[in-house]
PDB file of N, CA and C in Angstrom:
ATOM      1  N   MET A   1     118.468  91.449  66.265  1.00  0.00           N
ATOM      2  CA  MET A   1     118.732  91.519  67.684  1.00  0.00           C
ATOM      3  C   MET A   1     117.560  90.909  68.435  1.00  0.00           C
ATOM      4  N   SER A   2     117.859  90.013  69.340  1.00  0.00           N
ATOM      5  CA  SER A   2     116.826  89.345  70.110  1.00  0.00           C
ATOM      6  C   SER A   2     117.072  89.587  71.587  1.00  0.00           C
ATOM      7  N   THR A   3     116.029  90.018  72.286  1.00  0.00           N
ATOM      8  CA  THR A   3     116.175  90.256  73.718  1.00  0.00           C
ATOM      9  C   THR A   3     115.775  89.043  74.539  1.00  0.00           C
ATOM     10  N   ILE A   4     115.283  87.997  73.893  1.00  0.00           N
ATOM     11  CA  ILE A   4     114.876  86.808  74.642  1.00  0.00           C
ATOM     12  C   ILE A   4     115.722  85.592  74.284  1.00  0.00           C
ATOM     13  N   GLY A   5     116.667  85.712  73.416  1.00  0.00           N
ATOM     14  CA  GLY A   5     117.576  84.615  73.123  1.00  0.00           C
ATOM     15  C   GLY A   5     117.205  83.751  71.934  1.00  0.00           C
ATOM     16  N   TYR A   6     116.188  84.102  71.176  1.00  0.00           N
ATOM     17  CA  TYR A   6     115.799  83.313  70.008  1.00  0.00           C
ATOM     18  C   TYR A   6     116.026  84.122  68.748  1.00  0.00           C
ATOM     19  N   GLU A   7     116.717  83.521  67.824  1.00  0.00           N
ATOM     20  CA  GLU A   7     116.947  84.170  66.531  1.00  0.00           C
ATOM     21  C   GLU A   7     115.971  83.644  65.481  1.00  0.00           C
ATOM     22  N   ASN A   8     115.433  82.445  65.692  1.00  0.00           N
ATOM     23  CA  ASN A   8     114.530  81.828  64.727  1.00  0.00           C
ATOM     24  C   ASN A   8     113.246  81.443  65.459  1.00  0.00           C
ATOM     25  N   TRP A   9     112.107  81.938  64.965  1.00  0.00           N
ATOM     26  CA  TRP A   9     110.828  81.655  65.587  1.00  0.00           C
ATOM     27  C   TRP A   9     110.122  80.458  64.954  1.00  0.00           C
ATOM     28  N   ALA A  10     110.813  79.690  64.151  1.00  0.00           N
ATOM     29  CA  ALA A  10     110.221  78.514  63.514  1.00  0.00           C
ATOM     30  C   ALA A  10     110.319  77.314  64.464  1.00  0.00           C
ATOM     31  N   VAL A  11     109.778  77.466  65.669  1.00  0.00           N
ATOM     32  CA  VAL A  11     109.771  76.397  66.672  1.00  0.00           C
ATOM     33  C   VAL A  11     108.372  76.313  67.267  1.00  0.00           C
ATOM     34  N   ASP A  12     108.126  75.268  68.025  1.00  0.00           N
ATOM     35  CA  ASP A  12     106.854  75.124  68.732  1.00  0.00           C
ATOM     36  C   ASP A  12     106.884  76.051  69.949  1.00  0.00           C
ATOM     37  N   LEU A  13     105.990  77.045  69.989  1.00  0.00           N
ATOM     38  CA  LEU A  13     106.013  78.029  71.058  1.00  0.00           C
ATOM     39  C   LEU A  13     105.660  77.430  72.418  1.00  0.00           C
ATOM     40  N   ALA A  14     105.066  76.263  72.456  1.00  0.00           N
ATOM     41  CA  ALA A  14     104.787  75.610  73.732  1.00  0.00           C
ATOM     42  C   ALA A  14     106.087  75.208  74.418  1.00  0.00           C
ATOM     43  N   ASP A  15     107.131  74.971  73.641  1.00  0.00           N
ATOM     44  CA  ASP A  15     108.438  74.584  74.191  1.00  0.00           C
ATOM     45  C   ASP A  15     109.337  75.784  74.463  1.00  0.00           C
ATOM     46  N   VAL A  16     108.923  76.951  74.023  1.00  0.00           N
ATOM     47  CA  VAL A  16     109.786  78.129  74.132  1.00  0.00           C
ATOM     48  C   VAL A  16     109.816  78.672  75.558  1.00  0.00           C
ATOM     49  N   GLY A  17     108.685  78.775  76.208  1.00  0.00           N
ATOM     50  CA  GLY A  17     108.624  79.382  77.536  1.00  0.00           C
ATOM     51  C   GLY A  17     108.231  80.836  77.410  1.00  0.00           C
ATOM     52  N   PRO A  18     108.768  81.692  78.264  1.00  0.00           N
ATOM     53  CA  PRO A  18     108.390  83.103  78.212  1.00  0.00           C
ATOM     54  C   PRO A  18     108.851  83.755  76.911  1.00  0.00           C
ATOM     55  N   VAL A  19     107.972  84.586  76.333  1.00  0.00           N
ATOM     56  CA  VAL A  19     108.311  85.238  75.067  1.00  0.00           C
ATOM     57  C   VAL A  19     108.235  86.750  75.203  1.00  0.00           C
ATOM     58  N   TYR A  20     108.596  87.261  76.354  1.00  0.00           N
ATOM     59  CA  TYR A  20     108.607  88.705  76.565  1.00  0.00           C
ATOM     60  C   TYR A  20     110.054  89.170  76.701  1.00  0.00           C
ATOM     61  N   PRO A  21     110.295  90.425  76.430  1.00  0.00           N
ATOM     62  CA  PRO A  21     111.677  90.908  76.466  1.00  0.00           C
ATOM     63  C   PRO A  21     112.254  90.953  77.888  1.00  0.00           C
ATOM     64  N   PHE A  22     113.539  90.811  77.969  1.00  0.00           N
ATOM     65  CA  PHE A  22     114.309  90.898  79.214  1.00  0.00           C
ATOM     66  C   PHE A  22     113.867  89.876  80.250  1.00  0.00           C
ATOM     67  N   GLN A  23     113.602  88.656  79.796  1.00  0.00           N
ATOM     68  CA  GLN A  23     113.214  87.601  80.719  1.00  0.00           C
ATOM     69  C   GLN A  23     114.363  87.312  81.681  1.00  0.00           C
ATOM     70  N   GLY A  24     114.019  87.073  82.905  1.00  0.00           N
ATOM     71  CA  GLY A  24     115.016  86.810  83.933  1.00  0.00           C
ATOM     72  C   GLY A  24     115.388  88.050  84.733  1.00  0.00           C
ATOM     73  N   SER A  25     114.911  89.217  84.302  1.00  0.00           N
ATOM     74  CA  SER A  25     115.256  90.438  85.038  1.00  0.00           C
ATOM     75  C   SER A  25     114.036  91.018  85.752  1.00  0.00           C
ATOM     76  N   GLU A  26     113.079  90.176  86.068  1.00  0.00           N
ATOM     77  CA  GLU A  26     111.857  90.642  86.713  1.00  0.00           C
ATOM     78  C   GLU A  26     112.137  91.181  88.112  1.00  0.00           C
ATOM     79  N   VAL A  27     112.993  90.505  88.855  1.00  0.00           N
ATOM     80  CA  VAL A  27     113.299  90.935  90.223  1.00  0.00           C
ATOM     81  C   VAL A  27     113.969  92.306  90.193  1.00  0.00           C
ATOM     82  N   LEU A  28     114.900  92.495  89.286  1.00  0.00           N
ATOM     83  CA  LEU A  28     115.570  93.787  89.159  1.00  0.00           C
ATOM     84  C   LEU A  28     114.562  94.882  88.820  1.00  0.00           C
ATOM     85  N   MET A  29     113.643  94.594  87.902  1.00  0.00           N
ATOM     86  CA  MET A  29     112.636  95.585  87.533  1.00  0.00           C
ATOM     87  C   MET A  29     111.716  95.919  88.704  1.00  0.00           C
ATOM     88  N   VAL A  30     111.349  94.930  89.510  1.00  0.00           N
ATOM     89  CA  VAL A  30     110.500  95.167  90.677  1.00  0.00           C
ATOM     90  C   VAL A  30     111.249  96.024  91.693  1.00  0.00           C
ATOM     91  N   VAL A  31     112.523  95.705  91.942  1.00  0.00           N
ATOM     92  CA  VAL A  31     113.316  96.483  92.892  1.00  0.00           C
ATOM     93  C   VAL A  31     113.446  97.928  92.416  1.00  0.00           C
ATOM     94  N   LEU A  32     113.732  98.129  91.134  1.00  0.00           N
ATOM     95  CA  LEU A  32     113.832  99.487  90.586  1.00  0.00           C
ATOM     96  C   LEU A  32     112.493 100.215  90.664  1.00  0.00           C
ATOM     97  N   GLY A  33     111.409  99.512  90.385  1.00  0.00           N
ATOM     98  CA  GLY A  33     110.084 100.119  90.457  1.00  0.00           C
ATOM     99  C   GLY A  33     109.722 100.544  91.869  1.00  0.00           C
ATOM    100  N   VAL A  34     110.009  99.703  92.845  1.00  0.00           N
ATOM    101  CA  VAL A  34     109.711 100.045  94.237  1.00  0.00           C
ATOM    102  C   VAL A  34     110.587 101.206  94.694  1.00  0.00           C
ATOM    103  N   ALA A  35     111.869 101.203  94.311  1.00  0.00           N
ATOM    104  CA  ALA A  35     112.765 102.312  94.673  1.00  0.00           C
ATOM    105  C   ALA A  35     112.285 103.616  94.050  1.00  0.00           C
ATOM    106  N   PHE A  36     111.863 103.578  92.795  1.00  0.00           N
ATOM    107  CA  PHE A  36     111.331 104.770  92.138  1.00  0.00           C
ATOM    108  C   PHE A  36     110.070 105.254  92.851  1.00  0.00           C
ATOM    109  N   TRP A  37     109.193 104.326  93.201  1.00  0.00           N
ATOM    110  CA  TRP A  37     107.932 104.660  93.871  1.00  0.00           C
ATOM    111  C   TRP A  37     108.194 105.333  95.215  1.00  0.00           C
ATOM    112  N   ILE A  38     109.076 104.758  96.015  1.00  0.00           N
ATOM    113  CA  ILE A  38     109.395 105.347  97.323  1.00  0.00           C
ATOM    114  C   ILE A  38     110.083 106.696  97.140  1.00  0.00           C
ATOM    115  N   GLY A  39     111.013 106.780  96.191  1.00  0.00           N
ATOM    116  CA  GLY A  39     111.693 108.048  95.926  1.00  0.00           C
ATOM    117  C   GLY A  39     110.723 109.128  95.478  1.00  0.00           C
ATOM    118  N   TRP A  40     109.795 108.784  94.619  1.00  0.00           N
ATOM    119  CA  TRP A  40     108.798 109.743  94.136  1.00  0.00           C
ATOM    120  C   TRP A  40     107.963 110.287  95.288  1.00  0.00           C
ATOM    121  N   HIS A  41     107.515 109.392  96.156  1.00  0.00           N
ATOM    122  CA  HIS A  41     106.714 109.839  97.290  1.00  0.00           C
ATOM    123  C   HIS A  41     107.535 110.702  98.246  1.00  0.00           C
ATOM    124  N   ARG A  42     108.783 110.393  98.447  1.00  0.00           N
ATOM    125  CA  ARG A  42     109.643 111.207  99.311  1.00  0.00           C
ATOM    126  C   ARG A  42     109.818 112.608  98.717  1.00  0.00           C
ATOM    127  N   ILE A  43     110.084 112.680  97.420  1.00  0.00           N
ATOM    128  CA  ILE A  43     110.244 113.978  96.758  1.00  0.00           C
ATOM    129  C   ILE A  43     108.953 114.781  96.871  1.00  0.00           C
ATOM    130  N   GLN A  44     107.811 114.160  96.623  1.00  0.00           N
ATOM    131  CA  GLN A  44     106.527 114.858  96.715  1.00  0.00           C
ATOM    132  C   GLN A  44     106.260 115.334  98.136  1.00  0.00           C
ATOM    133  N   TYR A  45     106.591 114.507  99.125  1.00  0.00           N
ATOM    134  CA  TYR A  45     106.375 114.872 100.522  1.00  0.00           C
ATOM    135  C   TYR A  45     107.183 116.120 100.873  1.00  0.00           C
ATOM    136  N   VAL A  46     108.435 116.164 100.465  1.00  0.00           N
ATOM    137  CA  VAL A  46     109.289 117.314 100.765  1.00  0.00           C
ATOM    138  C   VAL A  46     108.790 118.561 100.039  1.00  0.00           C
ATOM    139  N   ARG A  47     108.477 118.449  98.755  1.00  0.00           N
ATOM    140  CA  ARG A  47     108.026 119.612  97.981  1.00  0.00           C
ATOM    141  C   ARG A  47     106.702 120.159  98.501  1.00  0.00           C
ATOM    142  N   GLU A  48     105.768 119.284  98.809  1.00  0.00           N
ATOM    143  CA  GLU A  48     104.485 119.743  99.322  1.00  0.00           C
ATOM    144  C   GLU A  48     104.644 120.335 100.721  1.00  0.00           C
ATOM    145  N   GLY A  49     105.555 119.790 101.511  1.00  0.00           N
ATOM    146  CA  GLY A  49     105.816 120.352 102.833  1.00  0.00           C
ATOM    147  C   GLY A  49     106.341 121.777 102.736  1.00  0.00           C
ATOM    148  N   LYS A  50     107.249 122.015 101.786  1.00  0.00           N
ATOM    149  CA  LYS A  50     107.766 123.371 101.579  1.00  0.00           C
ATOM    150  C   LYS A  50     106.654 124.310 101.131  1.00  0.00           C
ATOM    151  N   HIS A  51     105.817 123.844 100.230  1.00  0.00           N
ATOM    152  CA  HIS A  51     104.710 124.658  99.729  1.00  0.00           C
ATOM    153  C   HIS A  51     103.739 125.011 100.866  1.00  0.00           C
ATOM    154  N   LEU A  52     103.395 124.037 101.680  1.00  0.00           N
ATOM    155  CA  LEU A  52     102.477 124.294 102.786  1.00  0.00           C
ATOM    156  C   LEU A  52     103.102 125.216 103.827  1.00  0.00           C
ATOM    157  N   GLU A  53     104.393 125.088 104.060  1.00  0.00           N
ATOM    158  CA  GLU A  53     105.071 125.972 105.008  1.00  0.00           C
ATOM    159  C   GLU A  53     105.060 127.414 104.502  1.00  0.00           C
ATOM    160  N   GLU A  54     105.293 127.607 103.207  1.00  0.00           N
ATOM    161  CA  GLU A  54     105.225 128.953 102.628  1.00  0.00           C
ATOM    162  C   GLU A  54     103.813 129.519 102.739  1.00  0.00           C
ATOM    163  N   ALA A  55     102.808 128.704 102.490  1.00  0.00           N
ATOM    164  CA  ALA A  55     101.421 129.149 102.599  1.00  0.00           C
ATOM    165  C   ALA A  55     101.092 129.511 104.050  1.00  0.00           C
ATOM    166  N   ARG A  56     101.613 128.726 104.995  1.00  0.00           N
ATOM    167  CA  ARG A  56     101.365 129.017 106.405  1.00  0.00           C
ATOM    168  C   ARG A  56     102.016 130.335 106.812  1.00  0.00           C
ATOM    169  N   LYS A  57     103.231 130.584 106.329  1.00  0.00           N
ATOM    170  CA  LYS A  57     103.922 131.833 106.649  1.00  0.00           C
ATOM    171  C   LYS A  57     103.190 133.038 106.062  1.00  0.00           C
ATOM    172  N   GLN A  58     102.633 132.894 104.890  1.00  0.00           N
ATOM    173  CA  GLN A  58     101.900 133.993 104.273  1.00  0.00           C
ATOM    174  C   GLN A  58     100.583 134.249 105.004  1.00  0.00           C
ATOM    175  N   ALA A  59     100.006 133.222 105.593  1.00  0.00           N
ATOM    176  CA  ALA A  59      98.727 133.373 106.290  1.00  0.00           C
ATOM    177  C   ALA A  59      98.892 134.100 107.617  1.00  0.00           C
ATOM    178  N   ILE A  60     100.095 134.202 108.118  1.00  0.00           N
ATOM    179  CA  ILE A  60     100.325 134.870 109.401  1.00  0.00           C
ATOM    180  C   ILE A  60     100.186 136.387 109.267  1.00  0.00           C
ATOM    181  N   ASP A  61     100.409 136.919 108.092  1.00  0.00           N
ATOM    182  CA  ASP A  61     100.348 138.367 107.874  1.00  0.00           C
ATOM    183  C   ASP A  61      98.882 138.804 107.863  1.00  0.00           C
ATOM    184  N   HIS A  62      98.364 139.159 109.040  1.00  0.00           N
ATOM    185  CA  HIS A  62      96.947 139.498 109.184  1.00  0.00           C
ATOM    186  C   HIS A  62      96.566 140.764 108.410  1.00  0.00           C
ATOM    187  N   ALA A  63      97.477 141.709 108.324  1.00  0.00           N
ATOM    188  CA  ALA A  63      97.185 142.935 107.576  1.00  0.00           C
ATOM    189  C   ALA A  63      96.956 142.621 106.101  1.00  0.00           C
ATOM    190  N   LYS A  64      97.760 141.723 105.563  1.00  0.00           N
ATOM    191  CA  LYS A  64      97.609 141.343 104.158  1.00  0.00           C
ATOM    192  C   LYS A  64      96.286 140.598 103.941  1.00  0.00           C
ATOM    193  N   ILE A  65      95.927 139.769 104.875  1.00  0.00           N
ATOM    194  CA  ILE A  65      94.654 139.034 104.778  1.00  0.00           C
ATOM    195  C   ILE A  65      93.491 140.023 104.855  1.00  0.00           C
ATOM    196  N   GLN A  66      93.547 140.955 105.805  1.00  0.00           N
ATOM    197  CA  GLN A  66      92.471 141.936 105.948  1.00  0.00           C
ATOM    198  C   GLN A  66      92.352 142.785 104.704  1.00  0.00           C
ATOM    199  N   GLU A  67      93.493 143.157 104.111  1.00  0.00           N
ATOM    200  CA  GLU A  67      93.478 143.953 102.879  1.00  0.00           C
ATOM    201  C   GLU A  67      92.819 143.197 101.739  1.00  0.00           C
ATOM    202  N   SER A  68      93.120 141.889 101.647  1.00  0.00           N
ATOM    203  CA  SER A  68      92.508 141.068 100.592  1.00  0.00           C
ATOM    204  C   SER A  68      91.009 140.960 100.790  1.00  0.00           C
ATOM    205  N   VAL A  69      90.582 140.807 102.030  1.00  0.00           N
ATOM    206  CA  VAL A  69      89.165 140.659 102.316  1.00  0.00           C
ATOM    207  C   VAL A  69      88.422 141.975 102.029  1.00  0.00           C
ATOM    208  N   GLU A  70      89.007 143.076 102.455  1.00  0.00           N
ATOM    209  CA  GLU A  70      88.367 144.379 102.263  1.00  0.00           C
ATOM    210  C   GLU A  70      88.313 144.766 100.781  1.00  0.00           C
ATOM    211  N   ARG A  71      89.241 144.288 100.003  1.00  0.00           N
ATOM    212  CA  ARG A  71      89.253 144.633  98.584  1.00  0.00           C
ATOM    213  C   ARG A  71      88.006 144.091  97.885  1.00  0.00           C
ATOM    214  N   TYR A  72      87.493 142.962  98.339  1.00  0.00           N
ATOM    215  CA  TYR A  72      86.326 142.376  97.704  1.00  0.00           C
ATOM    216  C   TYR A  72      85.102 142.587  98.555  1.00  0.00           C
TER     217      TYR A  72
END
């Protein structure tokens, strides 16, 4: 099985051109990579926002904060 279209490597490699797998699909890979990157950052932004909101809500309970401080 060849992913670059050559079954026999007994040729002059200077005439072959690119010798990496999936040649011709670079644009698709870049588009998928950028979409993954943006999606990852969006997911992280939402998850961290929820975490910070929960932390902010817990910080409002002054009695709980005072109890934690007095314990130590």
